Amino acid sequence: MRRPKRPLFLARAPYRRRRLRDAARLLPVLGAFLLLLPLLWTPGSRMALTSGDVVYFFSVWLVLIVLAAAFAPGLRGGEGADDEED
């Protein structure tokens, strides 16, 4: 007798938890890109920071903190929670 096939699609909760974990893993990459972005818009060899650059750095820093705080409640489920449902 054959076993019943497993469903092709995952349940919503583990799927969303995995995508949230993926987004949290990409957050440092996004932050590094956004923090290095002013180096691309500086003309020539000028490496002096202007007040606008400093405001930009602190704004990006604040946005990264807010995003990390928004992701944190969804990441509390733990690693083993998905393994049982797979």
N, C-alpha and C. Protein backbone atom coordinates (compact mmCIF):
# COMPACT_ATOMS: atom_id res chain seq x y z
N MET A 1 0.84 -1.18 0.00
CA MET A 1 0.00 0.00 0.00
C MET A 1 0.89 1.25 0.00
N ARG A 2 0.56 2.19 -0.85
CA ARG A 2 1.35 3.40 -0.97
C ARG A 2 0.94 4.44 0.06
N ARG A 3 1.93 5.19 0.48
CA ARG A 3 1.64 6.29 1.41
C ARG A 3 0.94 7.40 0.67
N PRO A 4 0.11 8.16 1.36
CA PRO A 4 -0.48 9.34 0.70
C PRO A 4 0.61 10.36 0.42
N LYS A 5 0.48 11.03 -0.70
CA LYS A 5 1.47 12.04 -1.07
C LYS A 5 1.38 13.23 -0.14
N ARG A 6 2.55 13.83 0.09
CA ARG A 6 2.59 15.05 0.89
C ARG A 6 2.08 16.19 0.05
N PRO A 7 1.50 17.18 0.66
CA PRO A 7 1.03 18.33 -0.13
C PRO A 7 2.20 19.03 -0.81
N LEU A 8 1.93 19.53 -1.99
CA LEU A 8 2.96 20.19 -2.78
C LEU A 8 3.36 21.54 -2.19
N PHE A 9 2.41 22.24 -1.63
CA PHE A 9 2.65 23.58 -1.10
C PHE A 9 2.79 23.54 0.41
N LEU A 10 3.58 24.47 0.92
CA LEU A 10 3.74 24.59 2.36
C LEU A 10 2.57 25.35 2.97
N ALA A 11 2.41 25.17 4.25
CA ALA A 11 1.41 25.96 4.96
C ALA A 11 1.86 27.42 4.98
N ARG A 12 0.94 28.30 5.20
CA ARG A 12 1.27 29.74 5.15
C ARG A 12 2.25 30.17 6.22
N ALA A 13 2.05 29.72 7.44
CA ALA A 13 2.90 30.19 8.54
C ALA A 13 4.38 29.84 8.33
N PRO A 14 4.73 28.59 8.03
CA PRO A 14 6.16 28.30 7.81
C PRO A 14 6.72 29.02 6.59
N TYR A 15 5.92 29.16 5.55
CA TYR A 15 6.38 29.85 4.35
C TYR A 15 6.69 31.30 4.66
N ARG A 16 5.81 31.97 5.38
CA ARG A 16 6.04 33.38 5.73
C ARG A 16 7.22 33.52 6.67
N ARG A 17 7.38 32.58 7.61
CA ARG A 17 8.50 32.62 8.53
C ARG A 17 9.83 32.47 7.77
N ARG A 18 9.85 31.59 6.79
CA ARG A 18 11.06 31.42 5.99
C ARG A 18 11.37 32.66 5.17
N ARG A 19 10.37 33.26 4.56
CA ARG A 19 10.61 34.48 3.77
C ARG A 19 11.06 35.63 4.67
N LEU A 20 10.51 35.69 5.88
CA LEU A 20 10.93 36.72 6.82
C LEU A 20 12.38 36.51 7.24
N ARG A 21 12.76 35.24 7.45
CA ARG A 21 14.16 34.94 7.76
C ARG A 21 15.06 35.31 6.59
N ASP A 22 14.62 35.05 5.36
CA ASP A 22 15.41 35.44 4.19
C ASP A 22 15.58 36.95 4.11
N ALA A 23 14.51 37.68 4.40
CA ALA A 23 14.59 39.14 4.37
C ALA A 23 15.54 39.64 5.47
N ALA A 24 15.50 39.00 6.63
CA ALA A 24 16.40 39.41 7.71
C ALA A 24 17.85 39.12 7.36
N ARG A 25 18.09 38.05 6.60
CA ARG A 25 19.46 37.75 6.17
C ARG A 25 19.95 38.74 5.14
N LEU A 26 19.08 39.30 4.34
CA LEU A 26 19.47 40.26 3.33
C LEU A 26 19.60 41.69 3.88
N LEU A 27 19.09 41.92 5.06
CA LEU A 27 19.13 43.27 5.64
C LEU A 27 20.55 43.82 5.79
N PRO A 28 21.54 43.06 6.25
CA PRO A 28 22.90 43.61 6.32
C PRO A 28 23.48 43.94 4.94
N VAL A 29 23.13 43.14 3.93
CA VAL A 29 23.61 43.42 2.58
C VAL A 29 23.00 44.73 2.07
N LEU A 30 21.71 44.90 2.29
CA LEU A 30 21.05 46.15 1.91
C LEU A 30 21.66 47.33 2.66
N GLY A 31 21.93 47.15 3.96
CA GLY A 31 22.53 48.22 4.74
C GLY A 31 23.91 48.59 4.26
N ALA A 32 24.72 47.59 3.92
CA ALA A 32 26.06 47.89 3.41
C ALA A 32 25.99 48.63 2.09
N PHE A 33 25.07 48.21 1.22
CA PHE A 33 24.91 48.91 -0.06
C PHE A 33 24.49 50.35 0.15
N LEU A 34 23.49 50.56 1.02
CA LEU A 34 23.00 51.92 1.24
C LEU A 34 24.04 52.81 1.92
N LEU A 35 24.87 52.22 2.79
CA LEU A 35 25.90 53.03 3.45
C LEU A 35 27.08 53.33 2.53
N LEU A 36 27.32 52.47 1.55
CA LEU A 36 28.41 52.72 0.61
C LEU A 36 27.96 53.54 -0.60
N LEU A 37 26.68 53.75 -0.74
CA LEU A 37 26.14 54.48 -1.87
C LEU A 37 26.69 55.91 -2.01
N PRO A 38 26.91 56.65 -0.92
CA PRO A 38 27.47 58.00 -1.09
C PRO A 38 28.84 58.02 -1.74
N LEU A 39 29.59 56.92 -1.64
CA LEU A 39 30.89 56.88 -2.31
C LEU A 39 30.73 56.90 -3.82
N LEU A 40 29.60 56.42 -4.31
CA LEU A 40 29.36 56.41 -5.75
C LEU A 40 28.96 57.79 -6.28
N TRP A 41 28.33 58.59 -5.44
CA TRP A 41 27.88 59.88 -5.95
C TRP A 41 28.85 61.01 -5.65
N THR A 42 29.99 60.72 -5.02
CA THR A 42 30.99 61.77 -4.79
C THR A 42 31.79 61.99 -6.07
N PRO A 43 31.88 63.21 -6.52
CA PRO A 43 32.62 63.47 -7.77
C PRO A 43 34.12 63.42 -7.56
N GLY A 44 34.80 62.72 -8.45
CA GLY A 44 36.26 62.69 -8.44
C GLY A 44 36.84 62.07 -7.19
N SER A 45 37.87 62.70 -6.67
CA SER A 45 38.56 62.15 -5.51
C SER A 45 38.16 62.86 -4.22
N ARG A 46 37.07 63.58 -4.24
CA ARG A 46 36.62 64.30 -3.04
C ARG A 46 36.09 63.30 -2.03
N MET A 47 36.72 63.18 -0.88
CA MET A 47 36.30 62.22 0.13
C MET A 47 35.84 62.90 1.42
N ALA A 48 35.63 64.20 1.39
CA ALA A 48 35.16 64.91 2.57
C ALA A 48 33.66 64.70 2.73
N LEU A 49 33.24 64.44 3.95
CA LEU A 49 31.81 64.27 4.22
C LEU A 49 31.15 65.63 4.38
N THR A 50 30.03 65.78 3.74
CA THR A 50 29.24 67.00 3.91
C THR A 50 28.18 66.73 4.96
N SER A 51 27.48 67.76 5.36
CA SER A 51 26.43 67.59 6.36
C SER A 51 25.29 66.72 5.80
N GLY A 52 25.05 66.83 4.50
CA GLY A 52 24.02 65.99 3.89
C GLY A 52 24.37 64.51 3.93
N ASP A 53 25.67 64.21 3.77
CA ASP A 53 26.12 62.82 3.86
C ASP A 53 25.93 62.27 5.27
N VAL A 54 26.22 63.08 6.26
CA VAL A 54 26.06 62.64 7.65
C VAL A 54 24.59 62.40 7.96
N VAL A 55 23.73 63.29 7.52
CA VAL A 55 22.29 63.10 7.72
C VAL A 55 21.82 61.83 7.01
N TYR A 56 22.35 61.59 5.81
CA TYR A 56 22.00 60.37 5.07
C TYR A 56 22.43 59.12 5.84
N PHE A 57 23.67 59.11 6.37
CA PHE A 57 24.14 57.95 7.12
C PHE A 57 23.26 57.66 8.33
N PHE A 58 22.92 58.70 9.09
CA PHE A 58 22.09 58.48 10.26
C PHE A 58 20.66 58.09 9.89
N SER A 59 20.17 58.59 8.77
CA SER A 59 18.83 58.19 8.31
C SER A 59 18.81 56.72 7.91
N VAL A 60 19.83 56.29 7.18
CA VAL A 60 19.91 54.87 6.80
C VAL A 60 20.06 54.00 8.03
N TRP A 61 20.86 54.44 8.97
CA TRP A 61 21.06 53.70 10.21
C TRP A 61 19.73 53.55 10.96
N LEU A 62 18.97 54.63 11.05
CA LEU A 62 17.69 54.59 11.73
C LEU A 62 16.70 53.67 11.00
N VAL A 63 16.68 53.73 9.68
CA VAL A 63 15.78 52.85 8.91
C VAL A 63 16.15 51.39 9.10
N LEU A 64 17.44 51.08 9.14
CA LEU A 64 17.86 49.70 9.37
C LEU A 64 17.46 49.21 10.76
N ILE A 65 17.55 50.07 11.75
CA ILE A 65 17.12 49.70 13.10
C ILE A 65 15.62 49.44 13.13
N VAL A 66 14.85 50.29 12.48
CA VAL A 66 13.39 50.12 12.46
C VAL A 66 13.01 48.83 11.73
N LEU A 67 13.68 48.55 10.61
CA LEU A 67 13.40 47.32 9.88
C LEU A 67 13.75 46.08 10.69
N ALA A 68 14.89 46.11 11.38
CA ALA A 68 15.28 44.98 12.21
C ALA A 68 14.29 44.79 13.36
N ALA A 69 13.81 45.88 13.94
CA ALA A 69 12.82 45.78 15.00
C ALA A 69 11.48 45.25 14.47
N ALA A 70 11.16 45.58 13.22
CA ALA A 70 9.92 45.08 12.63
C ALA A 70 10.02 43.58 12.32
N PHE A 71 11.21 43.12 11.95
CA PHE A 71 11.40 41.70 11.64
C PHE A 71 11.49 40.84 12.90
N ALA A 72 11.94 41.40 14.00
CA ALA A 72 12.25 40.63 15.20
C ALA A 72 11.07 39.81 15.74
N PRO A 73 9.86 40.34 15.86
CA PRO A 73 8.79 39.50 16.42
C PRO A 73 8.49 38.26 15.59
N GLY A 74 8.61 38.34 14.30
CA GLY A 74 8.34 37.19 13.45
C GLY A 74 9.44 36.16 13.46
N LEU A 75 10.61 36.53 13.94
CA LEU A 75 11.75 35.61 13.97
C LEU A 75 11.87 34.87 15.29
N ARG A 76 11.01 35.15 16.23
CA ARG A 76 11.10 34.52 17.55
C ARG A 76 10.66 33.06 17.55
N GLY A 77 10.04 32.57 16.48
CA GLY A 77 9.52 31.21 16.45
C GLY A 77 10.58 30.14 16.63
N GLY A 78 11.81 30.43 16.30
CA GLY A 78 12.89 29.47 16.45
C GLY A 78 13.13 28.67 15.20
N GLU A 79 14.26 28.01 15.15
CA GLU A 79 14.65 27.24 13.97
C GLU A 79 13.90 25.91 13.90
N GLY A 80 13.64 25.27 15.02
CA GLY A 80 13.04 23.95 15.00
C GLY A 80 11.55 23.94 14.68
N ALA A 81 10.91 25.08 14.68
CA ALA A 81 9.46 25.12 14.44
C ALA A 81 9.12 24.71 13.02
N ASP A 82 9.97 25.03 12.05
CA ASP A 82 9.70 24.68 10.67
C ASP A 82 9.97 23.20 10.40
N ASP A 83 10.92 22.61 11.11
CA ASP A 83 11.31 21.24 10.83
C ASP A 83 10.18 20.26 11.09
N GLU A 84 9.38 20.55 12.08
CA GLU A 84 8.27 19.65 12.41
C GLU A 84 7.18 19.68 11.36
N GLU A 85 7.01 20.83 10.72
CA GLU A 85 5.92 20.96 9.76
C GLU A 85 6.32 20.57 8.36
N ASP A 86 7.63 20.38 8.08
CA ASP A 86 8.09 20.00 6.74
C ASP A 86 7.73 18.58 6.41
